[in-house]
Amino acid sequence: MEENGRNKALKAKKNDNFSDWYTEVLITSEFVDYSAVSGVIVFRPDGYFVWDAIRNATNELFIKAGIQNAYFPLFIPEKFLEKEKEHVKGFTPEVAWVTHAGDSKLDERLAVRPTSETIMYDSYSKWIRSWRDLPLRLNQWNNVVRWEFKHPTPFLRSREFLWNEGHTAFATQAEADAERDVILGIYEKVLEEYLALPGIKGRKTNYEKFAGALRSYSIEHLMPDGKAIQGPDFHSDGQNFSKAFEIKFLDKRGKMEYVYQNTFAISTRELGVLVATHSDDKGLIIPPKLARIQVVIVPIYKTENRDSIIDYCKKIKKELEDSFRVFLDDSDAYSPGWKFNEWELKGVPVRIEIGEKETKLDEATLFRRDTLAKSKAKASQIKASVESIMKDIHSNLYKKALNFLSAHIYHVDTYEELKKMAGKGFVQAPFCESEECELKIKDETGMKTSNIPFSANPPQGIKGKKCVYCGKEATVIVNFAKSY
């Protein structure tokens, strides 16, 4: 695709070289761009719009659930990070430090926020005094920095990313535990209804849990290359942080108690999963609810009929713009064919083509990005036709992703079977939850435990199963996978 010196066709193929294809589609489509700092990306308007839509949808559900937004500082004193030993151990290798202000050395190093538990809980210890102050359920939308030394990949392994941080405090463990299904349900709803992405809910193993948590839960995705990647998560922190930060309250009996806490997040990593899952060799495919431009109208004209066709396009645009985000591409700089390829590259869900034939028949030609199929619609029915196509695109994207996930979940009982399936998807196997077995499997196969899926672990347990590695009695069914 080259016109006026601009060549924007993708060179890499998704099925041949997924890694090259992934970064090429992000950059060439102008979804993101690289910055001058390694591992830190620029969100261009189309990419940032997607995150904005995800944030707004999630935030609306948080507010309905009784969670309030706040904002806490970007800089965290070193002494705060050191208060919870397991927590600081988990994050110290990734922390970026501020040591100077101008030419003056600071008295104490300040961490650039890798996560906000420590800075927030200093405030919580001042605000919570009585059972009347509970529950305290706050969330903030912010950026964090984790200076990972692995190969950075846009969205999937970025040194700076955007997310929500939910931090809640309760009087009892039972109240705190009840929040888990609410939050995971919110994330699952947003993933399905906005991103058209399925996932597997479950508990993380002790080795893979969040630093400082009692238990961690996640929704795990499967990428097109057969690797797993963690999506939104929820952490039951118990009283680990409240004891470290002296977050205490006077209960109804007049006794001092430590609060029980949870943390949870969804991040811009989801944009990478979305692009990787839905897009193809022509470029991005964006679910309709998340597309900055949902409908693009491309007129096809000659000099002598330009004005009449443009007027007709404007009439169609006016009919649609109250319901959809519509753009009329009436530029004379590029040919219709070039424009078709450009908007396909950018992933616009619906393209409307209008030429002399359409104006005479009082209709429009509709093109849908997901299947590349065309159809006709009368001008009087254009809004209903576009709405129907939008719904079908979303449904089709979700079903396709769900079918891929379902087809790449494998069930094994022996270690030999497990090794053969490495890198092909989620491999479900009985497991004893021993950290020793977990590390040996990781070392020998390159597979980590993804999570312990709720769907594969009935309440009555898995009696009679033997650990896939050591042969001892298994306690759970675990998803193993190579991962990002």
Protein backbone atom coordinates (compact mmCIF):
# COMPACT_ATOMS: atom_id res chain seq x y z
CA MET A 1 0.00 0.00 0.00
CA GLU A 2 2.00 2.99 -1.27
CA GLU A 3 0.79 6.36 -2.44
CA ASN A 4 2.51 9.75 -2.37
CA GLY A 5 5.59 8.11 -0.86
CA ARG A 6 3.80 6.46 2.06
CA ASN A 7 4.17 2.69 2.31
CA LYS A 8 2.11 1.25 5.16
CA ALA A 9 1.56 -2.39 4.20
CA LEU A 10 2.53 -4.93 6.86
CA LYS A 11 5.55 -7.03 5.95
CA ALA A 12 5.40 -9.60 8.76
CA LYS A 13 2.69 -12.27 8.88
CA LYS A 14 0.88 -13.13 12.10
CA ASN A 15 1.21 -16.89 11.70
CA ASP A 16 4.81 -16.80 10.46
CA ASN A 17 6.47 -14.36 12.83
CA PHE A 18 4.08 -13.31 15.57
CA SER A 19 6.57 -11.14 17.46
CA ASP A 20 7.55 -9.02 14.44
CA TRP A 21 3.95 -8.83 13.25
CA TYR A 22 2.74 -7.66 16.66
CA THR A 23 5.11 -4.71 16.96
CA GLU A 24 4.74 -3.82 13.28
CA VAL A 25 0.95 -3.65 13.41
CA LEU A 26 1.06 -1.42 16.50
CA ILE A 27 3.51 1.06 14.99
CA THR A 28 2.37 1.04 11.35
CA SER A 29 -1.29 1.54 12.28
CA GLU A 30 -0.31 4.55 14.42
CA PHE A 31 -1.83 2.96 17.51
CA VAL A 32 1.35 3.64 19.52
CA ASP A 33 4.87 4.85 18.88
CA TYR A 34 8.24 4.30 20.48
CA SER A 35 9.67 7.04 22.67
CA ALA A 36 13.25 8.16 23.25
CA VAL A 37 13.29 6.07 26.46
CA SER A 38 13.71 2.32 26.00
CA GLY A 39 10.65 0.34 27.03
CA VAL A 40 8.40 3.41 27.33
CA ILE A 41 5.81 3.99 24.61
CA VAL A 42 3.68 6.87 23.35
CA PHE A 43 -0.07 6.24 23.26
CA ARG A 44 -1.28 7.82 20.02
CA PRO A 45 -4.93 9.00 19.85
CA ASP A 46 -6.40 5.69 18.60
CA GLY A 47 -4.55 3.72 21.27
CA TYR A 48 -5.33 6.11 24.08
CA PHE A 49 -9.00 6.20 23.10
CA VAL A 50 -9.17 2.43 23.64
CA TRP A 51 -7.67 2.75 27.12
CA ASP A 52 -9.97 5.67 27.92
CA ALA A 53 -13.01 3.58 26.97
CA ILE A 54 -11.83 0.63 29.08
CA ARG A 55 -11.14 2.94 32.01
CA ASN A 56 -14.53 4.64 31.76
CA ALA A 57 -16.43 1.35 31.54
CA THR A 58 -14.54 -0.14 34.49
CA ASN A 59 -14.79 3.03 36.53
CA GLU A 60 -18.57 3.20 36.09
CA LEU A 61 -18.89 -0.32 37.47
CA PHE A 62 -16.53 0.48 40.36
CA ILE A 63 -18.65 3.47 41.34
CA LYS A 64 -21.84 1.39 41.19
CA ALA A 65 -20.13 -1.12 43.50
CA GLY A 66 -19.38 1.63 46.04
CA ILE A 67 -15.71 2.26 45.26
CA GLN A 68 -14.50 5.88 45.29
CA ASN A 69 -11.67 7.45 43.30
CA ALA A 70 -8.72 9.25 44.86
CA TYR A 71 -5.17 10.13 43.91
CA PHE A 72 -1.93 9.57 45.82
CA PRO A 73 1.63 10.79 45.15
CA LEU A 74 3.91 9.47 42.44
CA PHE A 75 6.94 9.47 44.77
CA ILE A 76 7.31 7.04 47.65
CA PRO A 77 9.87 7.41 50.48
CA GLU A 78 12.27 4.48 50.70
CA LYS A 79 11.38 3.87 54.33
CA PHE A 80 7.78 3.15 53.33
CA LEU A 81 8.79 0.45 50.86
CA GLU A 82 10.84 -1.26 53.55
CA LYS A 83 7.94 -1.66 55.97
CA GLU A 84 6.53 -4.84 54.40
CA LYS A 85 9.49 -7.16 53.77
CA GLU A 86 7.92 -9.56 51.27
CA HIS A 87 6.47 -6.64 49.32
CA VAL A 88 9.74 -4.73 49.02
CA LYS A 89 11.62 -7.92 48.11
CA GLY A 90 9.24 -8.43 45.20
CA PHE A 91 9.61 -4.91 43.81
CA THR A 92 13.12 -3.66 44.65
CA PRO A 93 14.72 -5.01 41.43
CA GLU A 94 12.23 -3.01 39.33
CA VAL A 95 12.18 0.29 41.24
CA ALA A 96 13.37 3.51 39.61
CA TRP A 97 14.81 5.88 42.21
CA VAL A 98 14.94 9.68 42.47
CA THR A 99 18.16 10.63 44.26
CA HIS A 100 18.67 14.30 43.34
CA ALA A 101 16.67 17.49 42.95
CA GLY A 102 18.76 19.61 40.62
CA ASP A 103 22.31 19.41 41.96
CA SER A 104 21.22 18.65 45.52
CA LYS A 105 21.21 15.09 46.80
CA LEU A 106 17.99 14.13 48.58
CA ASP A 107 18.15 13.13 52.25
CA GLU A 108 16.15 10.00 51.40
CA ARG A 109 15.72 8.22 48.09
CA LEU A 110 12.24 8.43 46.57
CA ALA A 111 10.85 5.51 44.57
CA VAL A 112 8.94 6.31 41.39
CA ARG A 113 5.66 4.52 42.06
CA PRO A 114 5.92 0.80 41.15
CA THR A 115 2.61 0.29 43.02
CA SER A 116 0.97 2.39 45.72
CA GLU A 117 0.35 0.18 48.76
CA THR A 118 2.99 1.83 50.90
CA ILE A 119 2.20 5.48 50.16
CA MET A 120 -1.55 4.90 50.48
CA TYR A 121 -1.43 2.90 53.67
CA ASP A 122 0.44 5.62 55.51
CA SER A 123 -2.70 7.71 54.96
CA TYR A 124 -5.02 4.82 55.77
CA SER A 125 -3.35 4.51 59.19
CA LYS A 126 -4.34 8.13 59.90
CA TRP A 127 -7.85 7.97 58.49
CA ILE A 128 -9.09 4.72 60.00
CA ARG A 129 -9.79 4.91 63.73
CA SER A 130 -13.15 3.21 64.32
CA TRP A 131 -15.38 0.55 62.80
CA ARG A 132 -17.43 3.53 61.58
CA ASP A 133 -14.61 4.39 59.16
CA LEU A 134 -14.94 1.00 57.47
CA PRO A 135 -15.11 -0.26 54.85
CA LEU A 136 -12.73 2.12 53.10
CA ARG A 137 -12.79 1.32 49.39
CA LEU A 138 -10.61 3.59 47.27
CA ASN A 139 -9.30 3.35 43.74
CA GLN A 140 -6.90 5.42 41.72
CA TRP A 141 -6.15 5.56 37.99
CA ASN A 142 -2.50 6.29 37.42
CA ASN A 143 0.80 5.35 35.81
CA VAL A 144 3.46 3.17 37.40
CA VAL A 145 7.09 2.45 36.56
CA ARG A 146 8.69 -0.98 36.81
CA TRP A 147 12.14 -1.03 35.30
CA GLU A 148 12.10 -4.60 34.08
CA PHE A 149 15.26 -5.90 32.50
CA LYS A 150 13.50 -8.35 30.19
CA HIS A 151 13.08 -7.44 26.53
CA PRO A 152 10.46 -4.66 26.55
CA THR A 153 7.43 -5.16 24.28
CA PRO A 154 4.74 -2.49 23.82
CA PHE A 155 1.91 -3.06 26.33
CA LEU A 156 3.03 -6.59 27.20
CA ARG A 157 6.31 -5.62 28.90
CA SER A 158 6.39 -1.84 29.19
CA ARG A 159 8.49 -0.10 31.82
CA GLU A 160 5.75 2.47 32.32
CA PHE A 161 2.11 1.49 32.06
CA LEU A 162 -1.34 2.75 33.03
CA TRP A 163 -3.75 0.93 35.30
CA ASN A 164 -6.21 1.14 38.15
CA GLU A 165 -5.19 0.45 41.71
CA GLY A 166 -8.01 -0.61 44.00
CA HIS A 167 -7.10 -0.61 47.70
CA THR A 168 -9.83 -1.57 50.15
CA ALA A 169 -9.99 -2.14 53.91
CA PHE A 170 -12.60 -4.07 55.90
CA ALA A 171 -13.36 -4.92 59.51
CA THR A 172 -13.44 -8.68 58.90
CA GLN A 173 -11.83 -11.22 56.61
CA ALA A 174 -15.27 -12.44 55.52
CA GLU A 175 -16.21 -8.97 54.25
CA ALA A 176 -12.89 -8.68 52.45
CA ASP A 177 -13.27 -12.12 50.86
CA ALA A 178 -16.75 -11.26 49.58
CA GLU A 179 -15.26 -8.49 47.45
CA ARG A 180 -13.26 -10.91 45.29
CA ASP A 181 -16.13 -12.12 43.13
CA VAL A 182 -17.49 -8.57 42.77
CA ILE A 183 -14.22 -7.22 41.39
CA LEU A 184 -13.37 -10.20 39.20
CA GLY A 185 -16.94 -10.03 37.91
CA ILE A 186 -16.45 -6.38 36.94
CA TYR A 187 -13.23 -7.17 35.09
CA GLU A 188 -14.79 -10.16 33.36
CA LYS A 189 -17.76 -8.05 32.23
CA VAL A 190 -15.50 -5.35 30.77
CA LEU A 191 -13.29 -7.91 29.03
CA GLU A 192 -16.27 -9.63 27.41
CA GLU A 193 -18.54 -6.67 26.64
CA TYR A 194 -15.91 -4.17 25.53
CA LEU A 195 -12.72 -5.99 24.53
CA ALA A 196 -14.40 -9.18 23.26
CA LEU A 197 -11.81 -11.16 25.21
CA PRO A 198 -12.35 -14.38 27.17
CA GLY A 199 -10.12 -15.47 30.02
CA ILE A 200 -9.65 -18.11 32.69
CA LYS A 201 -10.36 -17.10 36.28
CA GLY A 202 -8.45 -18.77 39.05
CA ARG A 203 -6.09 -18.56 42.02
CA LYS A 204 -2.36 -18.07 41.63
CA THR A 205 0.00 -20.50 43.34
CA ASN A 206 1.86 -19.30 46.42
CA TYR A 207 5.02 -18.92 44.36
CA GLU A 208 3.30 -16.77 41.73
CA LYS A 209 1.14 -14.67 44.07
CA PHE A 210 1.59 -10.92 44.51
CA ALA A 211 4.41 -9.90 46.85
CA GLY A 212 2.79 -9.29 50.24
CA ALA A 213 -0.54 -11.01 49.53
CA LEU A 214 -2.07 -14.02 51.26
CA ARG A 215 -3.71 -15.17 48.03
CA SER A 216 -3.79 -13.81 44.49
CA TYR A 217 -6.43 -14.36 41.82
CA SER A 218 -6.26 -13.59 38.11
CA ILE A 219 -7.95 -13.74 34.75
CA GLU A 220 -5.47 -15.32 32.35
CA HIS A 221 -5.42 -14.86 28.58
CA LEU A 222 -3.96 -17.05 25.85
CA MET A 223 -2.05 -15.27 23.10
CA PRO A 224 -2.06 -16.42 19.45
CA ASP A 225 1.48 -17.79 19.80
CA GLY A 226 0.35 -20.24 22.50
CA LYS A 227 1.79 -18.27 25.41
CA ALA A 228 -0.22 -17.18 28.45
CA ILE A 229 -0.35 -13.65 29.79
CA GLN A 230 -1.89 -12.42 33.01
CA GLY A 231 -4.85 -10.08 32.76
CA PRO A 232 -6.69 -8.33 35.60
CA ASP A 233 -5.94 -9.52 39.12
CA PHE A 234 -7.23 -9.41 42.68
CA HIS A 235 -5.18 -9.90 45.84
CA SER A 236 -6.36 -10.85 49.30
CA ASP A 237 -3.78 -9.20 51.55
CA GLY A 238 -5.22 -10.18 54.91
CA GLN A 239 -3.54 -8.15 57.66
CA ASN A 240 -0.01 -8.17 56.20
CA PHE A 241 -0.01 -4.50 55.28
CA SER A 242 -2.23 -3.32 58.12
CA LYS A 243 0.22 -4.74 60.66
CA ALA A 244 3.19 -3.23 58.84
CA PHE A 245 1.54 0.20 58.64
CA GLU A 246 -0.43 0.11 61.91
CA ILE A 247 -3.85 0.40 60.27
CA LYS A 248 -5.98 -0.32 63.31
CA PHE A 249 -9.52 0.43 64.38
CA LEU A 250 -11.68 0.22 67.48
CA ASP A 251 -14.33 -2.45 66.79
CA LYS A 252 -17.90 -2.49 68.09
CA ARG A 253 -16.76 -4.34 71.21
CA GLY A 254 -14.24 -1.64 72.03
CA LYS A 255 -11.25 -3.80 71.03
CA MET A 256 -8.40 -2.64 68.78
CA GLU A 257 -8.09 -4.72 65.59
CA TYR A 258 -6.10 -4.61 62.38
CA VAL A 259 -8.08 -4.16 59.15
CA TYR A 260 -8.27 -6.78 56.38
CA GLN A 261 -7.28 -5.55 52.94
CA ASN A 262 -7.59 -6.26 49.22
CA THR A 263 -5.89 -4.85 46.14
CA PHE A 264 -6.86 -5.21 42.47
CA ALA A 265 -5.94 -3.90 39.01
CA ILE A 266 -6.52 -3.89 35.27
CA SER A 267 -3.78 -2.40 33.09
CA THR A 268 -2.92 -1.25 29.58
CA ARG A 269 -1.51 -4.74 29.02
CA GLU A 270 -5.07 -5.52 27.90
CA LEU A 271 -4.53 -3.34 24.83
CA GLY A 272 -1.72 -5.64 23.77
CA VAL A 273 -3.87 -8.73 24.32
CA LEU A 274 -6.70 -7.14 22.34
CA VAL A 275 -4.50 -6.24 19.38
CA ALA A 276 -2.75 -9.62 19.36
CA THR A 277 -5.96 -11.62 19.62
CA HIS A 278 -8.21 -9.88 17.11
CA SER A 279 -5.96 -8.29 14.48
CA ASP A 280 -4.76 -9.82 11.21
CA ASP A 281 -2.26 -9.35 8.38
CA LYS A 282 -4.13 -6.32 7.09
CA GLY A 283 -3.78 -4.49 10.41
CA LEU A 284 -5.77 -3.78 13.53
CA ILE A 285 -9.23 -5.08 14.30
CA ILE A 286 -10.81 -3.07 17.09
CA PRO A 287 -14.11 -4.08 18.78
CA PRO A 288 -16.73 -1.43 17.94
CA LYS A 289 -17.21 -0.05 21.47
CA LEU A 290 -13.50 0.76 21.70
CA ALA A 291 -12.87 2.24 18.24
CA ARG A 292 -12.19 5.99 18.13
CA ILE A 293 -13.76 5.99 14.67
CA GLN A 294 -16.50 3.39 14.39
CA VAL A 295 -17.65 4.20 10.87
CA VAL A 296 -15.63 5.73 8.04
CA ILE A 297 -17.38 6.93 4.90
CA VAL A 298 -15.28 6.81 1.73
CA PRO A 299 -16.73 8.54 -1.35
CA ILE A 300 -15.82 7.27 -4.81
CA TYR A 301 -16.11 10.03 -7.39
CA LYS A 302 -14.86 11.70 -10.55
CA THR A 303 -14.34 15.42 -10.93
CA GLU A 304 -17.72 15.90 -12.59
CA ASN A 305 -19.78 14.11 -9.88
CA ARG A 306 -17.72 14.91 -6.78
CA ASP A 307 -20.10 17.48 -5.29
CA SER A 308 -23.24 15.36 -5.62
CA ILE A 309 -21.56 12.27 -4.12
CA ILE A 310 -20.05 14.26 -1.23
CA ASP A 311 -23.47 15.77 -0.49
CA TYR A 312 -24.97 12.27 -0.39
CA CYS A 313 -22.17 11.12 1.95
CA LYS A 314 -22.88 14.03 4.26
CA LYS A 315 -26.53 12.99 4.38
CA ILE A 316 -25.51 9.46 5.41
CA LYS A 317 -23.08 10.84 7.99
CA LYS A 318 -25.77 13.04 9.53
CA GLU A 319 -28.06 10.01 9.79
CA LEU A 320 -25.41 8.06 11.70
CA GLU A 321 -23.50 10.55 13.82
CA ASP A 322 -25.99 10.70 16.69
CA SER A 323 -25.42 6.98 17.31
CA PHE A 324 -21.85 6.33 16.14
CA ARG A 325 -18.45 7.98 15.89
CA VAL A 326 -18.35 8.72 12.15
CA PHE A 327 -15.63 10.17 9.92
CA LEU A 328 -16.13 11.27 6.32
CA ASP A 329 -12.86 10.84 4.43
CA ASP A 330 -13.43 13.32 1.59
CA SER A 331 -9.75 14.17 1.12
CA ASP A 332 -8.55 14.45 -2.48
CA ALA A 333 -4.97 13.51 -1.55
CA TYR A 334 -5.42 9.74 -1.83
CA SER A 335 -7.35 7.33 -4.00
CA PRO A 336 -10.34 5.35 -2.67
CA GLY A 337 -8.29 2.13 -2.81
CA TRP A 338 -5.53 3.67 -0.71
CA LYS A 339 -8.13 4.91 1.78
CA PHE A 340 -9.69 1.44 1.99
CA ASN A 341 -6.33 -0.05 2.97
CA GLU A 342 -5.56 2.76 5.39
CA TRP A 343 -8.78 2.35 7.35
CA GLU A 344 -8.44 -1.43 7.32
CA LEU A 345 -4.94 -1.00 8.80
CA LYS A 346 -6.38 1.20 11.55
CA GLY A 347 -9.10 -1.32 12.35
CA VAL A 348 -12.19 0.83 11.84
CA PRO A 349 -15.11 -1.60 12.33
CA VAL A 350 -17.35 -0.45 9.46
CA ARG A 351 -16.51 1.26 6.18
CA ILE A 352 -19.22 2.76 3.99
CA GLU A 353 -18.42 3.07 0.29
CA ILE A 354 -20.49 5.47 -1.77
CA GLY A 355 -20.17 6.05 -5.49
CA GLU A 356 -22.46 7.09 -8.31
CA LYS A 357 -24.26 3.72 -8.29
CA GLU A 358 -25.10 4.03 -4.58
CA THR A 359 -26.43 7.57 -4.97
CA LYS A 360 -28.69 6.57 -7.84
CA LEU A 361 -30.10 3.58 -5.93
CA ASP A 362 -30.31 5.55 -2.65
CA GLU A 363 -28.18 2.99 -0.83
CA ALA A 364 -24.69 2.36 0.53
CA THR A 365 -22.13 -0.44 0.41
CA LEU A 366 -21.10 -1.58 3.89
CA PHE A 367 -17.77 -3.30 4.60
CA ARG A 368 -17.07 -4.97 7.95
CA ARG A 369 -13.48 -5.15 9.12
CA ASP A 370 -13.60 -8.50 10.94
CA THR A 371 -14.71 -10.73 8.07
CA LEU A 372 -13.94 -8.34 5.15
CA ALA A 373 -17.48 -8.99 3.88
CA LYS A 374 -19.56 -6.44 1.99
CA SER A 375 -23.31 -5.87 1.99
CA LYS A 376 -25.83 -3.34 0.73
CA ALA A 377 -28.19 -1.17 2.78
CA LYS A 378 -30.84 1.34 1.81
CA ALA A 379 -30.18 4.86 3.03
CA SER A 380 -33.42 4.78 5.00
CA GLN A 381 -32.18 1.69 6.87
CA ILE A 382 -28.54 2.68 7.26
CA LYS A 383 -28.57 3.23 11.03
CA ALA A 384 -30.24 -0.11 11.77
CA SER A 385 -27.91 -1.90 9.35
CA VAL A 386 -24.77 -0.44 10.91
CA GLU A 387 -26.01 -1.17 14.41
CA SER A 388 -26.68 -4.80 13.48
CA ILE A 389 -23.23 -5.17 11.93
CA MET A 390 -21.56 -3.62 14.99
CA LYS A 391 -23.24 -6.10 17.31
CA ASP A 392 -22.35 -8.99 15.05
CA ILE A 393 -18.70 -7.90 14.81
CA HIS A 394 -18.37 -7.89 18.59
CA SER A 395 -20.12 -11.24 18.92
CA ASN A 396 -17.97 -12.75 16.17
CA LEU A 397 -14.70 -11.49 17.70
CA TYR A 398 -15.60 -12.89 21.12
CA LYS A 399 -16.71 -16.28 19.75
CA LYS A 400 -13.57 -16.57 17.65
CA ALA A 401 -11.34 -15.77 20.63
CA LEU A 402 -13.29 -18.14 22.89
CA ASN A 403 -13.07 -20.95 20.35
CA PHE A 404 -9.30 -20.44 20.10
CA LEU A 405 -8.94 -20.52 23.88
CA SER A 406 -11.11 -23.63 24.25
CA ALA A 407 -9.22 -25.44 21.49
CA HIS A 408 -5.89 -24.79 23.22
CA ILE A 409 -6.65 -26.12 26.70
CA TYR A 410 -5.08 -29.55 27.09
CA HIS A 411 -5.61 -32.08 29.88
CA VAL A 412 -2.71 -34.31 30.91
CA ASP A 413 -1.92 -36.66 33.78
CA THR A 414 1.74 -37.48 33.19
CA TYR A 415 4.91 -35.45 33.07
CA GLU A 416 5.81 -36.79 29.63
CA GLU A 417 2.48 -35.51 28.28
CA LEU A 418 3.05 -32.18 29.98
CA LYS A 419 6.47 -31.71 28.35
CA LYS A 420 5.12 -32.55 24.89
CA MET A 421 2.48 -29.82 25.16
CA ALA A 422 4.85 -27.05 26.28
CA GLY A 423 4.17 -23.83 24.39
CA LYS A 424 0.95 -25.01 22.76
CA GLY A 425 -1.48 -23.37 25.16
CA PHE A 426 -2.82 -24.01 28.65
CA VAL A 427 -1.90 -27.46 29.88
CA GLN A 428 -4.09 -28.53 32.80
CA ALA A 429 -2.52 -31.07 35.12
CA PRO A 430 -2.94 -32.35 38.70
CA PHE A 431 -0.46 -30.67 41.03
CA CYS A 432 0.64 -30.92 44.66
CA GLU A 433 1.26 -27.14 45.05
CA SER A 434 4.86 -27.76 46.09
CA GLU A 435 7.16 -24.84 45.27
CA GLU A 436 9.96 -27.33 44.66
CA CYS A 437 7.94 -29.13 41.97
CA GLU A 438 6.84 -25.82 40.49
CA LEU A 439 10.40 -24.55 40.09
CA LYS A 440 11.64 -27.85 38.63
CA ILE A 441 8.86 -27.89 36.04
CA LYS A 442 9.67 -24.29 35.13
CA ASP A 443 13.37 -25.06 34.82
CA GLU A 444 12.88 -28.24 32.77
CA THR A 445 10.03 -27.18 30.45
CA GLY A 446 9.99 -23.37 30.43
CA MET A 447 6.38 -23.48 31.66
CA LYS A 448 5.08 -21.56 34.67
CA THR A 449 1.91 -22.09 36.63
CA SER A 450 -0.60 -19.68 35.14
CA ASN A 451 -3.36 -20.12 37.70
CA ILE A 452 -5.51 -22.73 39.43
CA PRO A 453 -8.72 -22.36 37.38
CA PHE A 454 -11.99 -22.21 39.30
CA SER A 455 -13.69 -24.15 36.49
CA ALA A 456 -11.34 -27.14 36.81
CA ASN A 457 -11.34 -27.34 40.61
CA PRO A 458 -14.69 -28.44 42.04
CA PRO A 459 -15.45 -27.65 45.70
CA GLN A 460 -15.22 -31.35 46.62
CA GLY A 461 -11.61 -31.47 45.44
CA ILE A 462 -9.81 -33.83 43.05
CA LYS A 463 -9.47 -37.06 45.00
CA GLY A 464 -7.33 -39.77 43.51
CA LYS A 465 -5.22 -37.53 41.28
CA LYS A 466 -1.42 -37.63 41.54
CA CYS A 467 0.93 -34.69 41.06
CA VAL A 468 2.13 -34.56 37.48
CA TYR A 469 5.74 -34.16 38.63
CA CYS A 470 6.40 -35.91 41.94
CA GLY A 471 3.56 -38.45 41.99
CA LYS A 472 2.34 -37.43 45.44
CA GLU A 473 -1.32 -36.75 46.08
CA ALA A 474 -2.50 -33.75 44.05
CA THR A 475 -4.46 -30.98 45.72
CA VAL A 476 -5.46 -28.92 42.66
CA ILE A 477 -5.62 -28.85 38.88
CA VAL A 478 -3.22 -26.17 37.59
CA ASN A 479 -2.84 -24.45 34.24
CA PHE A 480 0.77 -24.65 33.09
CA ALA A 481 1.93 -22.51 30.16
CA LYS A 482 4.83 -20.67 28.66
CA SER A 483 4.19 -17.05 29.35
CA TYR A 484 5.13 -13.44 28.79
